[in-house]
N, C-alpha and C. Protein backbone atom coordinates (compact mmCIF):
# COMPACT_ATOMS: atom_id res chain seq x y z
N MET A 1 -0.20 85.90 13.75
CA MET A 1 0.07 86.59 12.51
C MET A 1 -1.07 86.30 11.54
N LEU A 2 -1.50 87.31 10.82
CA LEU A 2 -2.60 87.18 9.89
C LEU A 2 -2.08 87.29 8.47
N TYR A 3 -2.63 86.51 7.58
CA TYR A 3 -2.22 86.52 6.18
C TYR A 3 -3.37 87.10 5.36
N VAL A 4 -3.08 88.13 4.58
CA VAL A 4 -4.12 88.82 3.82
C VAL A 4 -3.64 88.99 2.39
N HIS A 5 -4.43 88.57 1.42
CA HIS A 5 -4.09 88.81 0.02
C HIS A 5 -4.47 90.25 -0.31
N ALA A 6 -3.75 90.86 -1.21
CA ALA A 6 -3.95 92.27 -1.54
C ALA A 6 -5.37 92.57 -1.98
N ALA A 7 -6.01 91.65 -2.69
CA ALA A 7 -7.37 91.88 -3.17
C ALA A 7 -8.35 91.97 -2.00
N GLU A 8 -8.03 91.33 -0.90
CA GLU A 8 -8.91 91.32 0.26
C GLU A 8 -8.51 92.37 1.29
N PHE A 9 -7.53 93.20 0.93
CA PHE A 9 -6.97 94.15 1.89
C PHE A 9 -7.98 95.21 2.28
N SER A 10 -8.14 95.43 3.54
CA SER A 10 -9.00 96.48 4.05
C SER A 10 -8.22 97.23 5.11
N LEU A 11 -8.04 98.52 4.94
CA LEU A 11 -7.24 99.30 5.89
C LEU A 11 -7.85 99.25 7.28
N ARG A 12 -9.15 99.38 7.37
CA ARG A 12 -9.80 99.36 8.69
C ARG A 12 -9.54 98.04 9.39
N TRP A 13 -9.69 96.94 8.66
CA TRP A 13 -9.46 95.62 9.24
C TRP A 13 -8.00 95.47 9.67
N ALA A 14 -7.08 95.95 8.82
CA ALA A 14 -5.65 95.85 9.15
C ALA A 14 -5.31 96.69 10.37
N LEU A 15 -5.93 97.85 10.48
CA LEU A 15 -5.67 98.68 11.65
C LEU A 15 -6.16 98.01 12.92
N GLU A 16 -7.26 97.30 12.83
CA GLU A 16 -7.78 96.60 14.01
C GLU A 16 -6.88 95.45 14.42
N THR A 17 -6.30 94.78 13.46
CA THR A 17 -5.45 93.63 13.79
C THR A 17 -4.02 94.03 14.12
N LEU A 18 -3.57 95.18 13.60
CA LEU A 18 -2.24 95.74 13.84
C LEU A 18 -1.09 94.91 13.31
N ASN A 19 -1.35 93.79 12.71
CA ASN A 19 -0.32 93.00 12.02
C ASN A 19 -0.89 92.63 10.67
N SER A 20 -0.10 92.74 9.64
CA SER A 20 -0.62 92.36 8.33
C SER A 20 0.48 91.77 7.46
N PHE A 21 0.07 90.96 6.52
CA PHE A 21 0.98 90.30 5.59
C PHE A 21 0.34 90.44 4.23
N HIS A 22 1.03 91.04 3.27
CA HIS A 22 0.43 91.28 1.96
C HIS A 22 1.25 90.59 0.89
N SER A 23 0.58 89.87 0.03
CA SER A 23 1.24 89.23 -1.10
C SER A 23 0.68 89.86 -2.36
N LEU A 24 1.51 90.56 -3.10
CA LEU A 24 1.05 91.31 -4.27
C LEU A 24 1.60 90.69 -5.54
N SER A 25 0.72 90.32 -6.47
CA SER A 25 1.16 89.75 -7.74
C SER A 25 1.68 90.87 -8.62
N VAL A 26 2.85 90.66 -9.23
CA VAL A 26 3.44 91.69 -10.08
C VAL A 26 3.69 91.22 -11.50
N SER A 27 3.22 90.04 -11.86
CA SER A 27 3.42 89.56 -13.23
C SER A 27 2.08 89.18 -13.84
N LYS A 28 2.07 89.05 -15.18
CA LYS A 28 0.82 88.71 -15.87
C LYS A 28 0.24 87.40 -15.37
N GLY A 29 1.07 86.38 -15.29
CA GLY A 29 0.60 85.06 -14.89
C GLY A 29 0.49 84.87 -13.40
N GLY A 30 0.95 85.84 -12.64
CA GLY A 30 0.88 85.72 -11.19
C GLY A 30 1.97 84.83 -10.62
N ALA A 31 3.01 84.54 -11.41
CA ALA A 31 4.06 83.63 -10.95
C ALA A 31 5.05 84.33 -10.03
N LEU A 32 5.21 85.63 -10.17
CA LEU A 32 6.17 86.37 -9.38
C LEU A 32 5.44 87.19 -8.32
N PHE A 33 5.89 87.11 -7.07
CA PHE A 33 5.20 87.82 -5.99
C PHE A 33 6.17 88.71 -5.22
N THR A 34 5.67 89.82 -4.75
CA THR A 34 6.41 90.69 -3.85
C THR A 34 5.71 90.62 -2.50
N THR A 35 6.47 90.41 -1.46
CA THR A 35 5.88 90.29 -0.13
C THR A 35 6.28 91.49 0.71
N THR A 36 5.30 92.09 1.33
CA THR A 36 5.54 93.22 2.22
C THR A 36 4.92 92.91 3.57
N MET A 37 5.70 93.03 4.61
CA MET A 37 5.19 92.76 5.95
C MET A 37 5.31 94.03 6.78
N VAL A 38 4.24 94.35 7.49
CA VAL A 38 4.24 95.52 8.36
C VAL A 38 3.89 95.03 9.76
N PHE A 39 4.78 95.27 10.71
CA PHE A 39 4.55 94.86 12.09
C PHE A 39 4.63 96.08 12.99
N VAL A 40 3.78 96.10 13.99
CA VAL A 40 3.82 97.14 15.01
C VAL A 40 3.86 96.42 16.35
N LYS A 41 4.93 96.65 17.11
CA LYS A 41 5.06 96.02 18.42
C LYS A 41 4.68 97.02 19.50
N ALA A 42 3.89 96.55 20.44
CA ALA A 42 3.45 97.41 21.54
C ALA A 42 4.49 97.44 22.64
N LYS A 43 4.78 98.64 23.11
CA LYS A 43 5.65 98.79 24.27
C LYS A 43 4.77 98.77 25.52
N LYS A 44 5.38 98.57 26.64
CA LYS A 44 4.62 98.50 27.89
C LYS A 44 3.90 99.82 28.14
N GLY A 45 2.60 99.76 28.36
CA GLY A 45 1.82 100.94 28.67
C GLY A 45 1.45 101.79 27.46
N GLU A 46 1.72 101.32 26.25
CA GLU A 46 1.40 102.08 25.04
C GLU A 46 -0.06 101.88 24.66
N SER A 47 -0.74 102.97 24.35
CA SER A 47 -2.17 102.89 24.03
C SER A 47 -2.39 102.34 22.62
N SER A 48 -3.62 101.89 22.39
CA SER A 48 -3.96 101.36 21.07
C SER A 48 -3.95 102.47 20.02
N ASP A 49 -4.29 103.70 20.43
CA ASP A 49 -4.26 104.82 19.50
C ASP A 49 -2.84 105.07 18.99
N ALA A 50 -1.87 104.96 19.89
CA ALA A 50 -0.47 105.15 19.50
C ALA A 50 -0.04 104.06 18.53
N LEU A 51 -0.51 102.83 18.75
CA LEU A 51 -0.18 101.73 17.85
C LEU A 51 -0.77 101.95 16.46
N ILE A 52 -1.99 102.44 16.43
CA ILE A 52 -2.63 102.71 15.14
C ILE A 52 -1.88 103.80 14.39
N ARG A 53 -1.46 104.86 15.10
CA ARG A 53 -0.68 105.93 14.47
C ARG A 53 0.64 105.40 13.91
N LYS A 54 1.31 104.52 14.69
CA LYS A 54 2.56 103.91 14.23
C LYS A 54 2.33 103.09 12.97
N PHE A 55 1.24 102.31 12.97
CA PHE A 55 0.91 101.44 11.84
C PHE A 55 0.67 102.28 10.58
N ILE A 56 -0.12 103.33 10.71
CA ILE A 56 -0.42 104.20 9.57
C ILE A 56 0.87 104.86 9.07
N ARG A 57 1.73 105.29 9.98
CA ARG A 57 2.99 105.92 9.59
C ARG A 57 3.87 104.95 8.82
N LYS A 58 3.95 103.70 9.29
CA LYS A 58 4.77 102.70 8.60
C LYS A 58 4.24 102.41 7.21
N ILE A 59 2.92 102.30 7.09
CA ILE A 59 2.31 102.05 5.78
C ILE A 59 2.63 103.19 4.82
N SER A 60 2.53 104.43 5.29
CA SER A 60 2.81 105.56 4.41
C SER A 60 4.30 105.66 4.08
N GLU A 61 5.19 105.33 5.03
CA GLU A 61 6.63 105.36 4.76
C GLU A 61 7.02 104.33 3.70
N GLU A 62 6.41 103.17 3.76
CA GLU A 62 6.72 102.12 2.80
C GLU A 62 5.91 102.24 1.52
N GLN A 63 5.02 103.21 1.46
CA GLN A 63 4.14 103.46 0.32
C GLN A 63 3.37 102.20 -0.08
N LEU A 64 2.90 101.49 0.93
CA LEU A 64 2.21 100.22 0.71
C LEU A 64 0.89 100.40 -0.03
N MET A 65 0.10 101.40 0.37
CA MET A 65 -1.19 101.61 -0.28
C MET A 65 -0.99 101.99 -1.75
N GLN A 66 0.04 102.78 -2.04
CA GLN A 66 0.32 103.17 -3.42
C GLN A 66 0.71 101.95 -4.25
N LYS A 67 1.50 101.05 -3.67
CA LYS A 67 1.90 99.83 -4.38
C LYS A 67 0.67 98.98 -4.70
N ILE A 68 -0.23 98.86 -3.73
CA ILE A 68 -1.44 98.06 -3.95
C ILE A 68 -2.27 98.67 -5.07
N LYS A 69 -2.44 100.00 -5.06
CA LYS A 69 -3.22 100.66 -6.10
C LYS A 69 -2.56 100.51 -7.47
N ASP A 70 -1.22 100.64 -7.51
CA ASP A 70 -0.50 100.52 -8.78
C ASP A 70 -0.61 99.13 -9.37
N ARG A 71 -0.62 98.13 -8.54
CA ARG A 71 -0.62 96.74 -9.01
C ARG A 71 -2.00 96.11 -9.05
N GLN A 72 -3.02 96.91 -8.79
CA GLN A 72 -4.38 96.38 -8.78
C GLN A 72 -4.78 95.87 -10.17
N PHE A 73 -4.35 96.57 -11.22
CA PHE A 73 -4.66 96.18 -12.58
C PHE A 73 -3.36 96.10 -13.38
N TYR A 74 -3.32 95.21 -14.34
CA TYR A 74 -2.12 95.07 -15.17
C TYR A 74 -2.01 96.26 -16.12
N ARG A 75 -0.82 96.82 -16.20
CA ARG A 75 -0.53 97.89 -17.16
C ARG A 75 0.62 97.42 -18.02
N SER A 76 0.45 97.59 -19.33
CA SER A 76 1.50 97.17 -20.26
C SER A 76 2.72 98.07 -20.10
N PRO A 77 3.89 97.57 -20.48
CA PRO A 77 5.10 98.39 -20.39
C PRO A 77 4.98 99.70 -21.17
N SER A 78 4.28 99.68 -22.30
CA SER A 78 4.14 100.92 -23.08
C SER A 78 3.30 101.95 -22.32
N GLU A 79 2.28 101.51 -21.59
CA GLU A 79 1.48 102.43 -20.78
C GLU A 79 2.32 103.08 -19.69
N ILE A 80 3.18 102.30 -19.08
CA ILE A 80 4.06 102.80 -18.03
C ILE A 80 5.02 103.84 -18.59
N LYS A 81 5.58 103.56 -19.79
CA LYS A 81 6.49 104.50 -20.43
C LYS A 81 5.79 105.82 -20.77
N LYS A 82 4.56 105.72 -21.30
CA LYS A 82 3.79 106.93 -21.63
C LYS A 82 3.55 107.78 -20.39
N GLU A 83 3.22 107.12 -19.29
CA GLU A 83 2.97 107.82 -18.04
C GLU A 83 4.23 108.53 -17.55
N LYS A 84 5.38 107.86 -17.66
CA LYS A 84 6.65 108.46 -17.25
C LYS A 84 6.96 109.68 -18.11
N ARG A 85 6.71 109.59 -19.43
CA ARG A 85 6.95 110.71 -20.33
C ARG A 85 6.09 111.92 -19.94
N LYS A 86 4.82 111.65 -19.62
CA LYS A 86 3.91 112.73 -19.21
C LYS A 86 4.42 113.42 -17.95
N ARG A 87 4.88 112.62 -16.98
CA ARG A 87 5.40 113.19 -15.73
C ARG A 87 6.64 114.04 -15.99
N ARG A 88 7.52 113.58 -16.89
CA ARG A 88 8.74 114.33 -17.22
C ARG A 88 8.39 115.66 -17.90
N ARG A 89 7.41 115.64 -18.78
CA ARG A 89 6.99 116.87 -19.47
C ARG A 89 6.42 117.87 -18.49
N GLY A 90 5.72 117.38 -17.50
CA GLY A 90 5.12 118.26 -16.50
C GLY A 90 6.13 118.95 -15.61
N ARG A 91 7.30 118.37 -15.45
CA ARG A 91 8.34 118.94 -14.59
C ARG A 91 9.07 120.10 -15.25
N ARG A 92 9.04 120.16 -16.59
CA ARG A 92 9.79 121.19 -17.32
C ARG A 92 9.23 122.56 -17.10
């Protein structure tokens, strides 16, 4: 099992290893962490291409890349509220 911090996350590297462990800081001080684990198990006779497709599908289902992008920089609660308001206005 490989341990990777979100700042060091590389999709290509993760695809090559097929197992990844991500620890994402979600607070200002970094005291609170969210852990996301993605595992792909190989079945007998399954090709590496099929494993890579499974891995990519799992990442997109769990919206892992979006979470990493969202938490890459700190956003104040007021910024988040403004963004939500803009999205609501766009739906009308």
